[in-house]
Amino acid sequence: MRFPRIGRWVATENDSLLLAEVHEANGFLQRFVGLQFVTSMPGKTGVLLRNCSSIHTFWMRFPIDVFFLDKDFRVVEVREAVRPWRIAIPKVKAVSHIVEANVGVSKIIEVGILTRIE
Protein backbone atom coordinates (compact mmCIF):
# COMPACT_ATOMS: atom_id res chain seq x y z
CA MET A 1 0.00 0.00 0.00
CA ARG A 2 1.36 3.45 -0.86
CA PHE A 3 0.28 5.15 2.41
CA PRO A 4 1.71 4.80 5.92
CA ARG A 5 0.06 2.17 8.12
CA ILE A 6 -1.45 3.74 11.23
CA GLY A 7 -3.10 0.75 12.93
CA ARG A 8 -6.26 -1.29 12.79
CA TRP A 9 -9.94 -0.34 12.88
CA VAL A 10 -12.05 -1.78 15.69
CA ALA A 11 -15.57 -1.38 17.06
CA THR A 12 -15.27 0.36 20.44
CA GLU A 13 -18.29 -1.32 22.05
CA ASN A 14 -17.11 -4.93 21.69
CA ASP A 15 -13.50 -4.60 20.43
CA SER A 16 -14.33 -6.56 17.27
CA LEU A 17 -11.88 -6.16 14.41
CA LEU A 18 -13.27 -4.29 11.40
CA LEU A 19 -10.06 -3.87 9.37
CA ALA A 20 -6.72 -5.50 10.16
CA GLU A 21 -4.74 -2.66 8.57
CA VAL A 22 -5.61 1.01 8.16
CA HIS A 23 -3.39 3.30 6.12
CA GLU A 24 -3.74 7.07 6.12
CA ALA A 25 -3.65 9.33 3.08
CA ASN A 26 -2.08 12.60 4.26
CA GLY A 27 -1.98 15.91 2.46
CA PHE A 28 -3.81 17.09 -0.61
CA LEU A 29 -1.87 15.07 -3.21
CA GLN A 30 -2.06 11.72 -1.37
CA ARG A 31 -5.76 12.24 -0.73
CA PHE A 32 -6.49 13.31 -4.31
CA VAL A 33 -4.58 10.40 -5.84
CA GLY A 34 -5.90 7.96 -3.23
CA LEU A 35 -6.51 4.56 -4.78
CA GLN A 36 -6.31 5.75 -8.38
CA PHE A 37 -4.53 3.26 -10.66
CA VAL A 38 -4.17 0.69 -7.84
CA THR A 39 -5.18 -2.73 -9.17
CA SER A 40 -6.44 -4.12 -5.83
CA MET A 41 -6.28 -3.79 -2.04
CA PRO A 42 -5.40 -6.63 0.32
CA GLY A 43 -8.47 -8.19 2.01
CA LYS A 44 -8.98 -6.51 5.39
CA THR A 45 -7.20 -3.26 4.50
CA GLY A 46 -8.55 0.27 4.34
CA VAL A 47 -7.56 3.88 3.77
CA LEU A 48 -8.46 6.65 6.23
CA LEU A 49 -9.09 10.18 5.01
CA ARG A 50 -9.20 12.53 8.01
CA ASN A 51 -11.08 15.83 7.79
CA CYS A 52 -12.72 14.78 4.56
CA SER A 53 -16.42 14.74 3.74
CA SER A 54 -16.64 13.36 0.18
CA ILE A 55 -14.66 11.23 -2.26
CA HIS A 56 -14.35 10.45 -5.94
CA THR A 57 -13.45 7.16 -7.57
CA PHE A 58 -12.07 8.52 -10.83
CA TRP A 59 -9.40 6.33 -12.44
CA MET A 60 -10.03 3.53 -9.96
CA ARG A 61 -10.09 -0.04 -11.21
CA PHE A 62 -12.38 -1.67 -8.64
CA PRO A 63 -15.41 -0.76 -6.49
CA ILE A 64 -15.02 0.05 -2.78
CA ASP A 65 -17.13 0.23 0.35
CA VAL A 66 -17.14 3.75 1.82
CA PHE A 67 -17.73 4.57 5.49
CA PHE A 68 -18.56 8.13 6.49
CA LEU A 69 -17.60 8.88 10.11
CA ASP A 70 -18.33 11.75 12.46
CA LYS A 71 -15.68 13.52 14.55
CA ASP A 72 -15.83 10.73 17.17
CA PHE A 73 -15.36 7.98 14.53
CA ARG A 74 -19.00 6.86 14.76
CA VAL A 75 -20.24 5.41 11.47
CA VAL A 76 -22.95 7.79 10.20
CA GLU A 77 -23.40 6.46 6.66
CA VAL A 78 -22.27 3.45 4.61
CA ARG A 79 -22.07 3.21 0.83
CA GLU A 80 -21.64 -0.29 -0.53
CA ALA A 81 -19.76 -1.09 -3.72
CA VAL A 82 -19.13 2.44 -4.99
CA ARG A 83 -18.01 1.84 -8.56
CA PRO A 84 -15.21 3.62 -10.42
CA TRP A 85 -15.98 7.03 -11.94
CA ARG A 86 -18.37 8.11 -9.20
CA ILE A 87 -18.54 10.90 -6.61
CA ALA A 88 -19.73 9.94 -3.12
CA ILE A 89 -21.23 12.80 -1.14
CA PRO A 90 -22.91 11.79 2.13
CA LYS A 91 -26.52 12.62 2.87
CA VAL A 92 -25.56 13.27 6.50
CA LYS A 93 -23.92 16.63 7.30
CA ALA A 94 -21.87 15.54 10.34
CA VAL A 95 -19.11 13.76 8.37
CA SER A 96 -15.53 14.40 9.47
CA HIS A 97 -13.61 11.34 8.23
CA ILE A 98 -13.92 8.61 5.60
CA VAL A 99 -12.67 5.04 5.46
CA GLU A 100 -12.38 3.30 2.09
CA ALA A 101 -12.25 -0.51 2.07
CA ASN A 102 -12.78 -3.53 -0.14
CA VAL A 103 -16.30 -4.46 -1.14
CA GLY A 104 -17.81 -6.79 1.44
CA VAL A 105 -16.44 -5.07 4.54
CA SER A 106 -19.77 -3.23 4.83
CA LYS A 107 -21.46 -6.53 5.72
CA ILE A 108 -19.95 -6.34 9.23
CA ILE A 109 -20.22 -2.58 9.84
CA GLU A 110 -23.49 -0.87 10.68
CA VAL A 111 -24.49 2.76 10.90
CA GLY A 112 -24.32 3.95 14.49
CA ILE A 113 -21.37 1.92 15.76
CA LEU A 114 -18.59 3.78 17.50
CA THR A 115 -15.15 2.86 16.19
CA ARG A 116 -11.50 3.69 16.80
CA ILE A 117 -8.12 3.30 15.15
CA GLU A 118 -5.60 1.57 17.39
C-alpha atoms as a PDB file:
ATOM      1  CA  MET A   1       0.000   0.000   0.000  1.00  0.00           C
ATOM      2  CA  ARG A   2       1.358   3.447  -0.855  1.00  0.00           C
ATOM      3  CA  PHE A   3       0.276   5.150   2.406  1.00  0.00           C
ATOM      4  CA  PRO A   4       1.709   4.797   5.922  1.00  0.00           C
ATOM      5  CA  ARG A   5       0.063   2.171   8.120  1.00  0.00           C
ATOM      6  CA  ILE A   6      -1.453   3.735  11.230  1.00  0.00           C
ATOM      7  CA  GLY A   7      -3.097   0.753  12.925  1.00  0.00           C
ATOM      8  CA  ARG A   8      -6.259  -1.285  12.787  1.00  0.00           C
ATOM      9  CA  TRP A   9      -9.943  -0.335  12.878  1.00  0.00           C
ATOM     10  CA  VAL A  10     -12.049  -1.776  15.687  1.00  0.00           C
ATOM     11  CA  ALA A  11     -15.566  -1.379  17.059  1.00  0.00           C
ATOM     12  CA  THR A  12     -15.270   0.362  20.440  1.00  0.00           C
ATOM     13  CA  GLU A  13     -18.287  -1.324  22.055  1.00  0.00           C
ATOM     14  CA  ASN A  14     -17.106  -4.931  21.692  1.00  0.00           C
ATOM     15  CA  ASP A  15     -13.499  -4.605  20.431  1.00  0.00           C
ATOM     16  CA  SER A  16     -14.335  -6.557  17.268  1.00  0.00           C
ATOM     17  CA  LEU A  17     -11.880  -6.159  14.407  1.00  0.00           C
ATOM     18  CA  LEU A  18     -13.269  -4.288  11.398  1.00  0.00           C
ATOM     19  CA  LEU A  19     -10.062  -3.869   9.367  1.00  0.00           C
ATOM     20  CA  ALA A  20      -6.716  -5.498  10.163  1.00  0.00           C
ATOM     21  CA  GLU A  21      -4.742  -2.659   8.565  1.00  0.00           C
ATOM     22  CA  VAL A  22      -5.606   1.005   8.155  1.00  0.00           C
ATOM     23  CA  HIS A  23      -3.392   3.296   6.115  1.00  0.00           C
ATOM     24  CA  GLU A  24      -3.742   7.065   6.118  1.00  0.00           C
ATOM     25  CA  ALA A  25      -3.654   9.333   3.079  1.00  0.00           C
ATOM     26  CA  ASN A  26      -2.078  12.596   4.259  1.00  0.00           C
ATOM     27  CA  GLY A  27      -1.975  15.909   2.457  1.00  0.00           C
ATOM     28  CA  PHE A  28      -3.808  17.087  -0.614  1.00  0.00           C
ATOM     29  CA  LEU A  29      -1.874  15.067  -3.207  1.00  0.00           C
ATOM     30  CA  GLN A  30      -2.064  11.722  -1.374  1.00  0.00           C
ATOM     31  CA  ARG A  31      -5.760  12.235  -0.734  1.00  0.00           C
ATOM     32  CA  PHE A  32      -6.490  13.308  -4.308  1.00  0.00           C
ATOM     33  CA  VAL A  33      -4.576  10.405  -5.841  1.00  0.00           C
ATOM     34  CA  GLY A  34      -5.896   7.960  -3.229  1.00  0.00           C
ATOM     35  CA  LEU A  35      -6.515   4.559  -4.783  1.00  0.00           C
ATOM     36  CA  GLN A  36      -6.305   5.750  -8.382  1.00  0.00           C
ATOM     37  CA  PHE A  37      -4.531   3.263 -10.659  1.00  0.00           C
ATOM     38  CA  VAL A  38      -4.170   0.686  -7.840  1.00  0.00           C
ATOM     39  CA  THR A  39      -5.184  -2.731  -9.168  1.00  0.00           C
ATOM     40  CA  SER A  40      -6.443  -4.115  -5.832  1.00  0.00           C
ATOM     41  CA  MET A  41      -6.277  -3.794  -2.045  1.00  0.00           C
ATOM     42  CA  PRO A  42      -5.404  -6.627   0.318  1.00  0.00           C
ATOM     43  CA  GLY A  43      -8.466  -8.194   2.009  1.00  0.00           C
ATOM     44  CA  LYS A  44      -8.975  -6.508   5.389  1.00  0.00           C
ATOM     45  CA  THR A  45      -7.196  -3.259   4.502  1.00  0.00           C
ATOM     46  CA  GLY A  46      -8.553   0.275   4.337  1.00  0.00           C
ATOM     47  CA  VAL A  47      -7.561   3.881   3.772  1.00  0.00           C
ATOM     48  CA  LEU A  48      -8.464   6.646   6.232  1.00  0.00           C
ATOM     49  CA  LEU A  49      -9.090  10.184   5.009  1.00  0.00           C
ATOM     50  CA  ARG A  50      -9.203  12.529   8.014  1.00  0.00           C
ATOM     51  CA  ASN A  51     -11.077  15.826   7.792  1.00  0.00           C
ATOM     52  CA  CYS A  52     -12.725  14.785   4.565  1.00  0.00           C
ATOM     53  CA  SER A  53     -16.416  14.738   3.741  1.00  0.00           C
ATOM     54  CA  SER A  54     -16.640  13.355   0.177  1.00  0.00           C
ATOM     55  CA  ILE A  55     -14.662  11.230  -2.258  1.00  0.00           C
ATOM     56  CA  HIS A  56     -14.347  10.449  -5.937  1.00  0.00           C
ATOM     57  CA  THR A  57     -13.453   7.156  -7.575  1.00  0.00           C
ATOM     58  CA  PHE A  58     -12.075   8.515 -10.827  1.00  0.00           C
ATOM     59  CA  TRP A  59      -9.398   6.332 -12.438  1.00  0.00           C
ATOM     60  CA  MET A  60     -10.026   3.530  -9.958  1.00  0.00           C
ATOM     61  CA  ARG A  61     -10.089  -0.038 -11.209  1.00  0.00           C
ATOM     62  CA  PHE A  62     -12.382  -1.666  -8.637  1.00  0.00           C
ATOM     63  CA  PRO A  63     -15.407  -0.760  -6.488  1.00  0.00           C
ATOM     64  CA  ILE A  64     -15.018   0.049  -2.777  1.00  0.00           C
ATOM     65  CA  ASP A  65     -17.127   0.227   0.346  1.00  0.00           C
ATOM     66  CA  VAL A  66     -17.137   3.747   1.824  1.00  0.00           C
ATOM     67  CA  PHE A  67     -17.727   4.568   5.489  1.00  0.00           C
ATOM     68  CA  PHE A  68     -18.561   8.130   6.494  1.00  0.00           C
ATOM     69  CA  LEU A  69     -17.597   8.877  10.114  1.00  0.00           C
ATOM     70  CA  ASP A  70     -18.330  11.750  12.461  1.00  0.00           C
ATOM     71  CA  LYS A  71     -15.675  13.521  14.546  1.00  0.00           C
ATOM     72  CA  ASP A  72     -15.826  10.728  17.168  1.00  0.00           C
ATOM     73  CA  PHE A  73     -15.362   7.979  14.528  1.00  0.00           C
ATOM     74  CA  ARG A  74     -19.000   6.863  14.764  1.00  0.00           C
ATOM     75  CA  VAL A  75     -20.244   5.413  11.467  1.00  0.00           C
ATOM     76  CA  VAL A  76     -22.953   7.790  10.202  1.00  0.00           C
ATOM     77  CA  GLU A  77     -23.400   6.459   6.665  1.00  0.00           C
ATOM     78  CA  VAL A  78     -22.270   3.452   4.614  1.00  0.00           C
ATOM     79  CA  ARG A  79     -22.066   3.209   0.831  1.00  0.00           C
ATOM     80  CA  GLU A  80     -21.643  -0.289  -0.528  1.00  0.00           C
ATOM     81  CA  ALA A  81     -19.756  -1.087  -3.720  1.00  0.00           C
ATOM     82  CA  VAL A  82     -19.128   2.437  -4.986  1.00  0.00           C
ATOM     83  CA  ARG A  83     -18.010   1.843  -8.556  1.00  0.00           C
ATOM     84  CA  PRO A  84     -15.212   3.622 -10.421  1.00  0.00           C
ATOM     85  CA  TRP A  85     -15.975   7.027 -11.941  1.00  0.00           C
ATOM     86  CA  ARG A  86     -18.369   8.114  -9.196  1.00  0.00           C
ATOM     87  CA  ILE A  87     -18.537  10.899  -6.610  1.00  0.00           C
ATOM     88  CA  ALA A  88     -19.734   9.940  -3.119  1.00  0.00           C
ATOM     89  CA  ILE A  89     -21.228  12.800  -1.138  1.00  0.00           C
ATOM     90  CA  PRO A  90     -22.906  11.788   2.130  1.00  0.00           C
ATOM     91  CA  LYS A  91     -26.517  12.621   2.871  1.00  0.00           C
ATOM     92  CA  VAL A  92     -25.557  13.273   6.500  1.00  0.00           C
ATOM     93  CA  LYS A  93     -23.919  16.628   7.298  1.00  0.00           C
ATOM     94  CA  ALA A  94     -21.868  15.541  10.344  1.00  0.00           C
ATOM     95  CA  VAL A  95     -19.114  13.763   8.368  1.00  0.00           C
ATOM     96  CA  SER A  96     -15.531  14.398   9.465  1.00  0.00           C
ATOM     97  CA  HIS A  97     -13.611  11.338   8.234  1.00  0.00           C
ATOM     98  CA  ILE A  98     -13.919   8.614   5.605  1.00  0.00           C
ATOM     99  CA  VAL A  99     -12.669   5.040   5.459  1.00  0.00           C
ATOM    100  CA  GLU A 100     -12.384   3.299   2.094  1.00  0.00           C
ATOM    101  CA  ALA A 101     -12.247  -0.508   2.068  1.00  0.00           C
ATOM    102  CA  ASN A 102     -12.778  -3.534  -0.138  1.00  0.00           C
ATOM    103  CA  VAL A 103     -16.300  -4.457  -1.142  1.00  0.00           C
ATOM    104  CA  GLY A 104     -17.806  -6.788   1.443  1.00  0.00           C
ATOM    105  CA  VAL A 105     -16.442  -5.072   4.538  1.00  0.00           C
ATOM    106  CA  SER A 106     -19.767  -3.234   4.832  1.00  0.00           C
ATOM    107  CA  LYS A 107     -21.460  -6.530   5.717  1.00  0.00           C
ATOM    108  CA  ILE A 108     -19.951  -6.342   9.234  1.00  0.00           C
ATOM    109  CA  ILE A 109     -20.218  -2.577   9.841  1.00  0.00           C
ATOM    110  CA  GLU A 110     -23.491  -0.872  10.678  1.00  0.00           C
ATOM    111  CA  VAL A 111     -24.494   2.765  10.897  1.00  0.00           C
ATOM    112  CA  GLY A 112     -24.316   3.955  14.487  1.00  0.00           C
ATOM    113  CA  ILE A 113     -21.371   1.919  15.761  1.00  0.00           C
ATOM    114  CA  LEU A 114     -18.595   3.777  17.496  1.00  0.00           C
ATOM    115  CA  THR A 115     -15.145   2.861  16.194  1.00  0.00           C
ATOM    116  CA  ARG A 116     -11.502   3.690  16.796  1.00  0.00           C
ATOM    117  CA  ILE A 117      -8.123   3.300  15.150  1.00  0.00           C
ATOM    118  CA  GLU A 118      -5.596   1.567  17.392  1.00  0.00           C
END
